[in-house]
Protein backbone atom coordinates (compact mmCIF):
# COMPACT_ATOMS: atom_id res chain seq x y z
CA MET A 1 5.34 75.57 70.48
CA ALA A 2 9.16 75.49 70.62
CA THR A 3 10.86 74.35 73.81
CA GLY A 4 14.35 74.84 75.24
CA LEU A 5 16.75 77.67 75.95
CA SER A 6 16.37 80.83 73.88
CA ILE A 7 19.72 82.18 72.63
CA SER A 8 20.70 85.08 70.37
CA SER A 9 20.42 83.04 67.19
CA THR A 10 17.16 81.33 68.06
CA SER A 11 14.54 81.28 65.28
CA ASN A 12 13.87 84.84 63.99
CA LEU A 13 14.81 86.66 67.18
CA SER A 14 18.05 87.91 65.59
CA SER A 15 16.02 90.08 63.20
CA GLY A 16 14.90 92.18 66.14
CA GLN A 17 18.39 92.97 67.35
CA LYS A 18 19.99 96.34 66.68
CA THR A 19 23.07 96.50 64.49
CA PHE A 20 25.92 98.95 65.00
CA ILE A 21 28.27 99.44 62.06
CA ALA A 22 31.81 100.64 62.67
CA SER A 23 33.07 103.69 60.80
CA ALA A 24 33.79 102.77 57.20
CA ARG A 25 37.40 102.70 56.05
CA GLU A 26 38.50 104.04 52.71
CA ALA A 27 40.84 101.99 50.54
CA PHE A 28 44.40 103.27 50.86
CA GLU A 29 45.34 105.33 47.83
CA PRO A 30 48.74 104.47 46.28
CA ALA A 31 51.37 107.20 46.24
CA ALA A 32 51.00 109.33 43.11
CA PRO A 33 53.96 111.76 43.04
CA ASP A 34 54.43 111.64 39.27
CA PRO A 35 52.49 114.79 38.25
CA ASP A 36 54.59 116.84 40.69
CA LEU A 37 57.86 115.49 39.26
CA VAL A 38 57.36 116.94 35.76
CA GLU A 39 57.20 120.50 34.49
CA SER A 40 53.72 121.99 34.75
CA GLN A 41 52.47 124.83 32.56
CA ARG A 42 49.12 126.57 32.32
CA ILE A 43 47.36 127.17 29.02
CA ALA A 44 45.46 130.44 28.79
CA ALA A 45 41.69 130.44 28.40
CA GLY A 46 40.50 130.52 24.80
CA PHE A 47 43.38 128.47 23.36
CA LYS A 48 43.04 124.84 22.29
CA GLN A 49 46.75 123.99 21.88
CA TRP A 50 49.94 124.73 23.79
CA ASP A 51 53.32 124.69 22.00
CA VAL A 52 56.39 124.17 24.18
CA LEU A 53 59.47 125.52 22.39
CA THR A 54 63.06 124.65 23.21
CA MET A 55 65.75 126.69 21.48
CA ALA A 56 68.65 124.59 20.19
CA ARG A 57 72.21 125.78 20.82
CA LEU A 58 74.23 127.61 18.20
CA THR A 59 77.61 126.27 17.12
CA SER A 60 80.64 127.27 19.17
CA ALA A 61 82.03 130.71 18.48
CA ALA A 62 84.88 130.70 15.94
CA ALA A 63 88.33 132.21 16.10
CA LEU A 64 88.53 135.29 13.87
CA THR A 65 91.26 136.82 11.70
CA GLU A 66 91.70 140.55 11.86
CA GLY A 67 90.41 142.26 8.76
CA VAL A 68 88.41 139.23 7.61
CA ASP A 69 84.62 139.50 7.66
CA LEU A 70 82.63 136.85 9.54
CA THR A 71 80.03 135.88 6.95
CA SER A 72 78.73 132.55 8.25
CA ALA A 73 75.49 133.31 10.11
CA GLN A 74 73.83 130.79 12.42
CA GLN A 75 70.08 130.17 12.20
CA LEU A 76 67.90 129.91 15.28
CA VAL A 77 66.21 126.51 15.59
CA ALA A 78 63.32 125.73 17.94
CA ASN A 79 62.26 122.21 18.89
CA SER A 80 58.50 122.24 19.29
CA LEU A 81 56.19 120.05 21.37
CA SER A 82 52.46 120.57 20.77
CA ILE A 83 50.04 119.54 23.51
CA THR A 84 46.25 119.69 23.25
CA PRO A 85 44.63 119.25 26.69
CA SER A 86 41.67 116.90 26.97
CA GLU A 87 38.93 116.52 29.58
CA HIS A 88 38.99 113.94 32.34
CA GLY A 89 36.38 113.28 34.97
CA ILE A 90 34.47 110.96 37.24
CA ILE A 91 31.00 111.06 38.80
CA ALA A 92 29.41 109.40 41.82
CA THR A 93 25.63 109.28 42.14
CA LEU A 94 24.19 108.99 45.66
CA SER A 95 20.56 108.46 46.46
CA LYS A 96 19.04 110.98 48.83
CA ARG A 97 17.84 108.10 50.98
CA LEU A 98 21.43 106.88 51.32
CA ILE A 99 22.60 110.36 52.30
CA ARG A 100 19.89 110.57 54.97
CA ARG A 101 20.46 107.11 56.40
CA GLN A 102 24.24 106.66 56.22
CA GLY A 103 24.95 107.12 59.87
CA ASP A 104 28.53 105.90 60.18
CA GLN A 105 30.12 108.81 58.29
CA ASN A 106 29.42 111.70 55.94
CA VAL A 107 28.99 109.77 52.71
CA VAL A 108 28.99 112.94 50.58
CA SER A 109 32.42 114.13 51.74
CA THR A 110 33.73 110.59 51.38
CA ALA A 111 32.52 110.45 47.79
CA GLY A 112 34.23 113.78 47.15
CA ARG A 113 37.56 112.53 48.47
CA LEU A 114 37.32 109.34 46.45
CA CYS A 115 36.55 111.28 43.26
CA ALA A 116 39.50 113.61 43.86
CA ASN A 117 41.79 110.63 44.45
CA SER A 118 40.56 109.07 41.22
CA LEU A 119 41.36 112.23 39.25
CA ARG A 120 44.86 112.44 40.74
CA ARG A 121 45.44 108.77 39.94
CA ARG A 122 44.49 109.43 36.31
CA GLN A 123 47.07 112.24 36.14
CA ALA A 124 49.74 109.95 37.56
CA LEU A 125 48.92 107.17 35.09
CA ASP A 126 49.15 109.61 32.18
CA VAL A 127 52.63 110.70 33.29
CA ILE A 128 53.72 107.10 33.93
CA ALA A 129 52.73 106.21 30.35
CA LEU A 130 55.36 108.70 29.13
CA TYR A 131 58.22 106.79 30.81
CA ASP A 132 58.01 104.13 28.12
CA GLY A 133 58.74 106.80 25.50
CA PHE A 134 62.33 107.50 26.58
CA SER A 135 64.74 106.08 23.98
CA LYS A 136 67.39 105.23 26.55
CA SER A 137 66.42 102.19 28.62
CA VAL A 138 68.41 100.34 31.29
CA VAL A 139 68.38 96.95 33.03
CA GLY A 140 65.90 94.97 30.90
CA ALA A 141 63.08 92.52 31.51
CA GLY A 142 63.74 89.76 34.02
CA ASN A 143 66.70 91.54 35.64
CA ALA A 144 66.82 93.42 38.94
CA LEU A 145 67.74 97.10 39.15
CA ASP A 146 71.25 97.48 40.56
CA ILE A 147 73.50 100.34 41.60
CA THR A 148 75.53 100.13 38.39
CA SER A 149 72.49 100.77 36.19
CA PHE A 150 71.35 103.60 38.46
CA ARG A 151 74.78 105.23 38.52
CA GLY A 152 75.17 104.81 34.74
CA SER A 153 71.79 106.43 34.13
CA VAL A 154 72.77 109.49 36.15
CA ALA A 155 76.04 109.75 34.21
CA TYR A 156 74.16 109.46 30.92
CA LEU A 157 71.73 112.25 31.83
CA LEU A 158 74.51 114.60 32.91
CA THR A 159 76.49 113.98 29.70
CA ASP A 160 76.09 116.38 26.77
CA ASN A 161 74.34 113.87 24.50
CA SER A 162 72.24 116.29 22.46
CA SER A 163 73.10 119.57 20.74
CA SER A 164 69.38 120.37 20.72
CA TYR A 165 68.84 119.98 24.46
CA GLY A 166 72.24 119.67 26.13
CA PRO A 167 72.79 117.67 29.34
CA ALA A 168 69.85 117.20 31.69
CA PRO A 169 69.49 120.05 34.21
CA VAL A 170 69.55 119.08 37.88
CA PRO A 171 67.86 118.14 40.12
CA LEU A 172 67.07 114.68 38.76
CA HIS A 173 64.20 112.50 40.02
CA ALA A 174 63.58 108.77 40.00
CA ALA A 175 59.99 107.44 39.94
CA LEU A 176 60.12 103.69 40.58
CA HIS A 177 58.06 100.68 41.58
CA ILE A 178 58.68 99.80 45.22
CA GLU A 179 60.33 96.49 44.22
CA GLN A 180 62.79 98.43 42.05
CA ILE A 181 63.64 100.57 45.06
CA SER A 182 63.99 97.43 47.15
CA ASP A 183 66.36 95.86 44.62
CA VAL A 184 68.71 98.84 44.41
CA ILE A 185 68.83 99.15 48.21
CA LEU A 186 69.64 95.44 48.44
CA ASP A 187 72.45 95.92 45.93
CA ILE A 188 73.86 98.81 47.97
CA THR A 189 73.80 96.95 51.26
CA ASP A 190 75.13 93.71 49.74
CA THR A 191 78.26 95.43 48.42
CA ALA A 192 79.49 96.19 51.95
CA PRO A 193 81.47 93.44 53.75
CA ARG A 194 79.82 92.02 56.86
CA GLY A 195 80.58 94.04 59.97
CA THR A 196 81.56 97.14 58.01
CA THR A 197 78.14 98.57 57.17
CA THR A 198 78.67 102.20 58.04
CA GLY A 199 77.51 105.48 56.63
CA MET A 200 74.88 105.24 53.90
CA THR A 201 74.62 101.43 53.85
CA ASP A 202 74.16 101.27 57.62
CA ASP A 203 71.47 103.96 57.41
CA MET A 204 69.70 102.04 54.63
CA LEU A 205 69.72 98.82 56.64
CA GLN A 206 68.23 100.48 59.69
CA ARG A 207 65.59 102.60 57.97
CA TRP A 208 65.27 100.59 54.75
CA TRP A 209 63.61 103.46 52.86
CA LYS A 210 61.70 106.44 54.23
CA GLY A 211 60.55 108.12 51.02
CA SER A 212 63.04 110.99 50.90
CA ASP A 213 66.28 109.13 50.22
CA ARG A 214 68.79 110.36 47.66
CA LEU A 215 71.11 108.20 45.62
CA TYR A 216 73.87 109.94 43.65
CA GLY A 217 72.04 113.19 44.35
CA VAL A 218 68.79 111.85 42.87
CA GLN A 219 65.69 111.81 45.07
CA VAL A 220 63.93 108.47 44.75
CA PHE A 221 60.12 108.46 44.75
CA HIS A 222 57.82 105.48 45.19
CA SER A 223 55.32 105.68 42.35
CA GLY A 224 52.52 103.50 43.66
CA ASN A 225 50.62 103.44 40.37
CA ILE A 226 53.40 101.81 38.35
CA THR A 227 52.08 98.34 37.60
CA ARG A 228 53.67 95.00 36.80
CA ASP A 229 53.22 93.51 33.34
CA SER A 230 52.36 89.86 32.71
CA SER A 231 56.04 88.92 33.16
CA ASP A 232 56.36 90.70 36.54
CA ASP A 233 58.40 93.57 35.08
CA SER A 234 57.74 97.28 35.54
CA LYS A 235 58.72 100.52 33.87
CA GLY A 236 59.82 103.43 36.01
CA ALA A 237 62.10 106.29 35.02
CA LEU A 238 64.97 108.53 36.02
CA PHE A 239 64.65 112.01 34.54
CA ALA A 240 64.96 115.76 34.83
CA LYS A 241 61.81 117.72 35.64
CA GLU A 242 61.92 119.50 32.28
CA ALA A 243 62.03 116.22 30.31
CA LEU A 244 58.26 115.85 30.54
CA VAL A 245 55.58 118.53 30.48
CA MET A 246 52.01 118.55 31.78
CA VAL A 247 49.82 121.36 30.52
CA MET A 248 46.85 122.27 32.72
CA ALA A 249 43.87 123.96 31.07
CA THR A 250 41.61 124.20 34.13
CA ASP A 251 41.57 123.69 37.86
CA ALA A 252 39.59 120.77 39.19
CA GLU A 253 35.87 121.55 38.84
CA VAL A 254 33.44 120.01 41.32
CA THR A 255 29.80 119.79 40.29
CA GLU A 256 26.56 118.84 42.06
CA GLU A 257 23.41 117.99 40.09
CA ASP A 258 20.09 117.22 41.74
CA ASP A 259 17.94 114.62 39.95
CA ASN A 260 14.52 114.90 41.63
CA SER A 261 12.79 112.14 39.67
CA LEU A 262 15.59 109.72 40.52
CA ARG A 263 15.73 111.11 44.06
CA ALA A 264 19.50 111.25 43.86
CA ILE A 265 22.35 113.74 43.66
CA GLU A 266 25.17 113.39 41.13
CA TYR A 267 28.60 114.61 42.28
CA GLY A 268 31.28 115.12 39.66
CA CYS A 269 34.95 116.07 39.52
CA PHE A 270 36.42 117.25 36.20
CA GLN A 271 39.72 118.68 34.94
CA GLU A 272 41.39 119.31 31.60
CA TRP A 273 45.06 118.58 30.93
CA GLY A 274 47.54 117.13 28.46
CA GLU A 275 51.08 115.82 28.69
CA GLY A 276 54.06 115.08 26.47
CA GLU A 277 57.80 114.43 26.24
CA ARG A 278 59.85 117.59 25.73
CA ALA A 279 63.43 116.28 25.79
CA ASP A 280 64.11 112.61 25.11
CA ALA A 281 67.77 112.94 26.10
CA HIS A 282 66.79 114.10 29.59
CA GLY A 283 65.16 110.84 30.68
CA VAL A 284 66.00 107.15 31.08
CA GLU A 285 63.44 104.37 31.26
CA VAL A 286 64.10 101.90 34.08
CA TYR A 287 62.66 98.58 32.94
CA SER A 288 63.31 95.77 35.37
CA ASP A 289 61.97 92.79 37.26
CA THR A 290 59.55 93.63 40.07
CA ALA A 291 58.35 90.19 41.10
CA ALA A 292 57.42 90.03 44.76
CA THR A 293 60.21 88.58 46.88
CA VAL A 294 57.92 87.21 49.58
């Protein structure tokens, strides 16, 4: 027989103690604004492909001579982008025993939120993949984004660089890695002499970045799903909404399937979409260093 003081961890007594589990926390979902920053169109039911047409401009009107027939006719030209939506989805299978016994929160509604977040993240990643397709690229690997590159990109987009598409229509958006945002803010604040930080630079120093800042009229968005490559560089973009197109074929479909032999319920979330680049001249890839500074 054991002797001595009995404490909470003595022998097997701990197995008889009740356990209270705190409410479970969900992993914080990165910001995914990208699908809302591009043009969205809806494909009608019964069609497998969506063609986005952009009519090129005609040549400038010519000066005429009285009594002389104008015989040179201009032909209409359409630039076509074909998008075929594809299915995307995710499922979570929960045992009925888990659903009955999970006392800290409603595990079914949690699974639903997590599935919806996953679907949204997939949309954002598909749009982010298009940023690499812009022919115009600024900064370059290993270099920090600065105000000069940002300002130059805006000027490029607003210049009439393409007879097929013309200058980029405003408003313009910037979807960037948070370190890219940090670098351009640092460049802005560093250009002001000490003791003279007023106006925009003073505001930046005090608030750093609140998620709705504009620079040269361009609203800057933190795209939390932009990743670093193996060299600690990332690819964001500065573009007009119409530069990229996302075609939605369906709304998000939520399914519930009961598997009695498995004694589980399968919850699914599915949606069909496709995306593509409509106007290359209306976007600039921002490829720069995003190594952590701390």
